[in-house]
Protein backbone atom coordinates (compact mmCIF):
# COMPACT_ATOMS: atom_id res chain seq x y z
CA MET A 1 0.07 -0.04 0.06
CA THR A 2 1.15 3.57 -0.74
CA THR A 3 0.45 6.22 1.78
CA GLU A 4 -0.54 9.74 0.25
CA ILE A 5 1.51 12.76 1.30
CA VAL A 6 -0.95 15.42 2.62
CA PRO A 7 1.18 18.61 3.01
CA ALA A 8 0.15 20.88 5.93
CA ILE A 9 -0.26 24.64 5.73
CA ASP A 10 -0.59 26.16 9.35
CA ILE A 11 -1.78 29.81 9.35
CA ILE A 12 -1.13 32.64 11.68
CA GLY A 13 -1.97 36.15 10.67
CA GLY A 14 -2.61 34.93 7.23
CA LYS A 15 1.01 33.52 6.74
CA CYS A 16 2.41 30.01 6.57
CA VAL A 17 4.10 29.05 9.79
CA ARG A 18 5.21 25.99 11.87
CA LEU A 19 5.38 25.41 15.33
CA SER A 20 7.20 22.84 17.53
CA GLN A 21 5.07 20.53 19.77
CA GLY A 22 2.16 23.04 19.31
CA ASP A 23 3.92 25.74 21.19
CA TYR A 24 3.11 29.12 19.79
CA SER A 25 6.31 30.67 21.19
CA THR A 26 8.32 28.56 18.70
CA LYS A 27 6.29 30.12 15.67
CA LYS A 28 8.57 30.20 12.45
CA GLU A 29 7.32 32.04 9.44
CA TYR A 30 7.99 30.39 6.09
CA ASN A 31 5.96 32.08 3.48
CA ALA A 32 3.54 35.00 3.41
CA SER A 33 1.55 33.37 0.73
CA ALA A 34 -0.40 30.12 1.19
CA VAL A 35 -1.50 30.23 -2.33
CA ASP A 36 2.00 30.17 -3.64
CA VAL A 37 2.86 27.25 -1.42
CA ALA A 38 -0.28 25.35 -2.26
CA ARG A 39 0.46 25.87 -6.08
CA GLN A 40 3.97 24.59 -5.80
CA LEU A 41 2.66 21.45 -3.89
CA GLU A 42 0.04 20.90 -6.64
CA ASP A 43 2.65 21.32 -9.25
CA ASN A 44 4.48 18.42 -7.53
CA GLY A 45 1.74 16.16 -7.85
CA CYS A 46 -0.10 16.56 -4.49
CA ARG A 47 -3.92 16.22 -4.45
CA ARG A 48 -4.70 16.79 -0.74
CA LEU A 49 -4.02 19.49 1.64
CA HIS A 50 -4.38 20.11 5.30
CA ILE A 51 -4.98 23.61 6.58
CA VAL A 52 -4.88 24.60 10.31
CA ASP A 53 -6.15 27.97 11.23
CA LEU A 54 -3.99 28.39 14.33
CA ASP A 55 -5.35 31.81 15.06
CA GLY A 56 -8.89 30.09 15.21
CA ALA A 57 -7.56 27.40 17.50
CA ILE A 58 -6.89 29.68 20.21
CA SER A 59 -9.76 32.18 19.51
CA HIS A 60 -12.47 29.43 19.45
CA HIS A 61 -13.80 30.59 16.19
CA ILE A 62 -12.77 30.53 12.52
CA VAL A 63 -10.36 33.32 11.80
CA ASN A 64 -8.32 32.62 8.52
CA TYR A 65 -11.14 31.50 6.28
CA ARG A 66 -10.10 34.05 3.62
CA VAL A 67 -6.77 32.12 3.37
CA LEU A 68 -8.73 28.91 2.77
CA GLU A 69 -10.98 30.65 0.23
CA ALA A 70 -7.83 31.86 -1.70
CA VAL A 71 -6.29 28.47 -1.83
CA ALA A 72 -9.38 26.73 -2.64
CA SER A 73 -10.37 28.96 -5.57
CA LYS A 74 -6.85 29.09 -7.21
CA THR A 75 -6.01 25.21 -6.81
CA SER A 76 -7.67 22.08 -7.38
CA LEU A 77 -6.59 20.58 -4.01
CA THR A 78 -8.80 18.66 -1.91
CA ILE A 79 -8.64 20.60 1.38
CA ASP A 80 -9.36 19.52 4.92
CA PHE A 81 -9.59 22.51 7.33
CA GLY A 82 -9.38 22.65 11.16
CA GLY A 83 -8.62 25.06 13.92
CA GLY A 84 -11.35 27.13 15.58
CA ILE A 85 -14.42 25.36 14.31
CA LYS A 86 -16.72 25.60 17.34
CA SER A 87 -20.03 26.31 15.87
CA ASP A 88 -22.55 25.77 13.20
CA ASP A 89 -21.55 28.99 11.58
CA ASP A 90 -17.90 28.14 11.66
CA ALA A 91 -18.53 24.80 9.96
CA ARG A 92 -20.75 26.59 7.34
CA ILE A 93 -18.14 29.21 6.71
CA ALA A 94 -15.39 26.59 6.32
CA PHE A 95 -17.49 24.68 3.75
CA GLU A 96 -18.50 27.71 1.96
CA SER A 97 -14.93 28.75 1.75
CA GLY A 98 -13.81 25.78 -0.04
CA ALA A 99 -13.01 23.05 2.47
CA ARG A 100 -14.02 19.57 1.37
CA MET A 101 -13.60 18.35 4.95
CA ILE A 102 -13.42 19.74 8.41
CA THR A 103 -11.68 18.37 11.34
CA GLY A 104 -13.14 18.63 14.83
CA GLY A 105 -10.99 17.90 17.95
CA SER A 106 -11.76 20.14 20.82
CA ILE A 107 -15.47 20.30 19.94
CA ALA A 108 -15.57 16.50 20.02
CA VAL A 109 -14.47 16.64 23.65
CA LYS A 110 -16.33 19.74 24.86
CA ASN A 111 -19.49 19.49 22.88
CA PRO A 112 -19.94 15.89 21.58
CA LEU A 113 -23.70 16.70 20.68
CA LEU A 114 -22.74 19.32 18.19
CA PHE A 115 -20.01 17.21 16.66
CA ARG A 116 -22.71 14.39 16.29
CA HIS A 117 -25.00 16.85 14.81
CA TRP A 118 -22.36 17.63 12.11
CA LEU A 119 -21.88 14.00 11.32
CA ASP A 120 -25.59 13.57 10.82
CA ILE A 121 -25.73 16.85 8.45
CA TYR A 122 -22.58 16.71 6.44
CA GLY A 123 -21.81 12.88 6.64
CA SER A 124 -18.86 10.86 7.84
CA GLU A 125 -16.87 11.51 4.66
CA LYS A 126 -16.72 15.28 5.30
CA ILE A 127 -16.14 15.20 9.12
CA ILE A 128 -13.01 14.24 10.35
CA LEU A 129 -12.25 13.37 14.13
CA GLY A 130 -9.13 15.09 15.49
CA ALA A 131 -7.61 12.85 18.07
CA ASP A 132 -4.50 14.75 18.96
CA THR A 133 -2.54 13.20 21.95
CA ASN A 134 -0.17 14.21 24.53
CA LYS A 135 1.08 11.24 26.55
CA GLY A 136 -2.05 9.24 25.63
CA LYS A 137 -4.55 12.05 26.61
CA ILE A 138 -6.62 13.93 23.94
CA ALA A 139 -5.27 17.69 23.79
CA THR A 140 -7.66 20.52 23.06
CA ASN A 141 -7.73 24.33 22.36
CA GLY A 142 -4.77 24.40 19.97
CA TRP A 143 -3.02 21.82 22.18
CA THR A 144 -2.94 24.22 24.94
CA GLN A 145 -5.01 22.09 27.22
CA ASP A 146 -5.05 18.26 28.02
CA SER A 147 -8.27 16.43 28.67
CA LYS A 148 -8.90 13.32 30.61
CA GLU A 149 -9.88 11.47 27.30
CA GLU A 150 -7.65 8.63 26.42
CA VAL A 151 -6.95 8.29 22.79
CA ILE A 152 -8.14 4.72 21.97
CA PRO A 153 -11.46 4.84 24.03
CA PHE A 154 -12.03 8.31 22.48
CA ILE A 155 -11.72 7.05 18.84
CA GLU A 156 -13.72 3.91 19.70
CA HIS A 157 -16.52 6.05 21.00
CA TYR A 158 -16.86 8.05 17.96
CA MET A 159 -16.42 5.10 15.73
CA ALA A 160 -19.61 3.86 17.35
CA MET A 161 -21.09 7.24 16.48
CA GLY A 162 -20.31 6.88 12.75
CA VAL A 163 -16.91 8.43 12.57
CA LYS A 164 -14.89 6.89 9.61
CA LYS A 165 -11.87 9.28 9.44
CA VAL A 166 -9.45 10.31 12.13
CA ILE A 167 -6.36 12.67 12.20
CA SER A 168 -4.05 11.78 15.08
CA THR A 169 -1.03 13.82 16.04
CA ASP A 170 1.45 12.84 18.79
CA ILE A 171 2.01 16.21 20.03
CA GLU A 172 5.61 15.14 21.45
CA SER A 173 6.63 14.24 17.96
CA ASP A 174 5.00 17.11 16.10
CA GLY A 175 7.55 19.71 14.55
CA MET A 176 10.49 17.76 16.19
CA LEU A 177 11.72 15.89 12.98
CA LYS A 178 12.62 12.80 14.91
CA GLY A 179 10.23 10.33 13.11
CA PRO A 180 6.59 9.68 13.46
CA SER A 181 4.97 7.70 16.25
CA VAL A 182 4.75 4.39 14.67
CA ASN A 183 3.89 2.56 17.81
CA LEU A 184 0.91 5.01 18.49
CA TYR A 185 -0.38 4.36 14.95
CA ARG A 186 0.18 0.58 15.26
CA GLU A 187 -1.91 0.56 18.44
CA ILE A 188 -4.78 2.62 17.05
CA THR A 189 -5.15 0.48 13.73
CA GLY A 190 -4.93 -2.72 15.87
CA LYS A 191 -7.51 -1.62 18.35
CA CYS A 192 -9.76 0.23 15.93
CA PRO A 193 -10.01 -1.95 12.87
CA GLY A 194 -11.39 -0.29 9.72
CA ILE A 195 -10.62 3.43 10.79
CA TYR A 196 -9.26 5.54 8.06
CA LEU A 197 -6.31 6.88 10.19
CA ILE A 198 -4.30 9.91 9.01
CA ALA A 199 -0.96 10.29 10.66
CA SER A 200 0.51 13.50 11.58
CA GLY A 201 3.69 14.67 13.23
CA GLY A 202 7.38 13.85 13.38
CA VAL A 203 7.81 12.79 9.79
CA ARG A 204 11.34 13.79 8.37
CA SER A 205 11.91 11.59 5.24
CA ILE A 206 10.35 9.56 2.56
CA SER A 207 11.46 6.44 4.53
CA ASP A 208 9.17 7.61 7.38
CA ILE A 209 6.26 7.79 4.96
CA GLU A 210 7.07 4.21 3.67
CA ALA A 211 7.18 3.00 7.30
CA LEU A 212 3.67 4.25 7.95
CA ALA A 213 2.56 2.78 4.61
CA GLU A 214 3.51 -0.61 5.86
CA LEU A 215 1.06 -0.21 8.70
CA GLY A 216 -1.59 0.32 6.13
CA LEU A 217 -2.16 4.10 6.71
CA PRO A 218 -3.75 5.76 3.79
CA GLU A 219 -2.61 9.24 4.50
CA VAL A 220 0.22 11.20 6.38
CA ILE A 221 0.27 14.82 6.98
CA VAL A 222 3.60 16.47 6.52
CA GLY A 223 4.68 20.02 7.46
CA LYS A 224 8.06 21.02 8.78
CA ALA A 225 10.12 18.44 6.86
CA ILE A 226 8.86 20.13 3.63
CA TYR A 227 9.65 23.61 4.81
CA GLU A 228 12.96 22.72 6.15
CA GLY A 229 13.90 20.91 3.12
CA TYR A 230 14.20 17.49 4.66
CA ILE A 231 11.69 16.28 2.08
CA THR A 232 12.20 18.22 -1.08
CA SER A 233 10.05 19.22 -3.91
CA ASN A 234 11.80 16.69 -6.09
CA ASP A 235 11.36 13.93 -3.44
CA ILE A 236 7.50 14.78 -3.36
CA TYR A 237 7.18 14.75 -7.21
CA ASN A 238 9.17 11.47 -7.60
CA TYR A 239 7.07 9.90 -4.72
CA ASN A 240 3.66 11.17 -6.24
CA LYS A 241 4.77 9.93 -9.65
CA GLN A 242 5.57 6.43 -8.19
CA LYS A 243 2.40 6.31 -6.26
CA ARG A 244 0.43 6.94 -9.47
């Protein structure tokens, strides 16, 4: 099985940035234009894109929807969008701005009825469960708070509610370029059979992506490794060409 590369664009103040372990004080800006980044990724054969509104994540409402709208209107990428989606209006704005899928993490912990409502309205193909974990516990509010929810029971609960897709980031690995949490993903796939699991965090090379492919993961989100040049445009192009 080949795992699809899903590049990440994290947005603060309308610009592309990356954090380390979700710490906003580690912010590093890479490009002022998300559209330019997205176009380059599309030129290299990418078909998917993961956009996170980091301003929205700590503001408790969607903020950078204009960036989403610009990327969606000027590329053909299939975009999933997360960060600050806390209300029906936020969800509506995200979809109207061009998101094909939205990710809900904090909302699934703090307002499960609303999250289930979205599943009912939009369907399980458009609503992704965010199961970002810090030492085995689900983290919320832009990873600034830890909940009491444990990752496996959390996913199992929502699978019973109809969730089919999950993005899981091991926060300790995110942005550290030390390799993905293979053991975490092995545990999730073993205990939650049938889940469409999207890995995120720690990827530093194409070989890391291949290791996740061996677990049967369909997609992996890659951010800092691309921006720091550990995975080059040529790497992405050749990988995507081979995958086709």
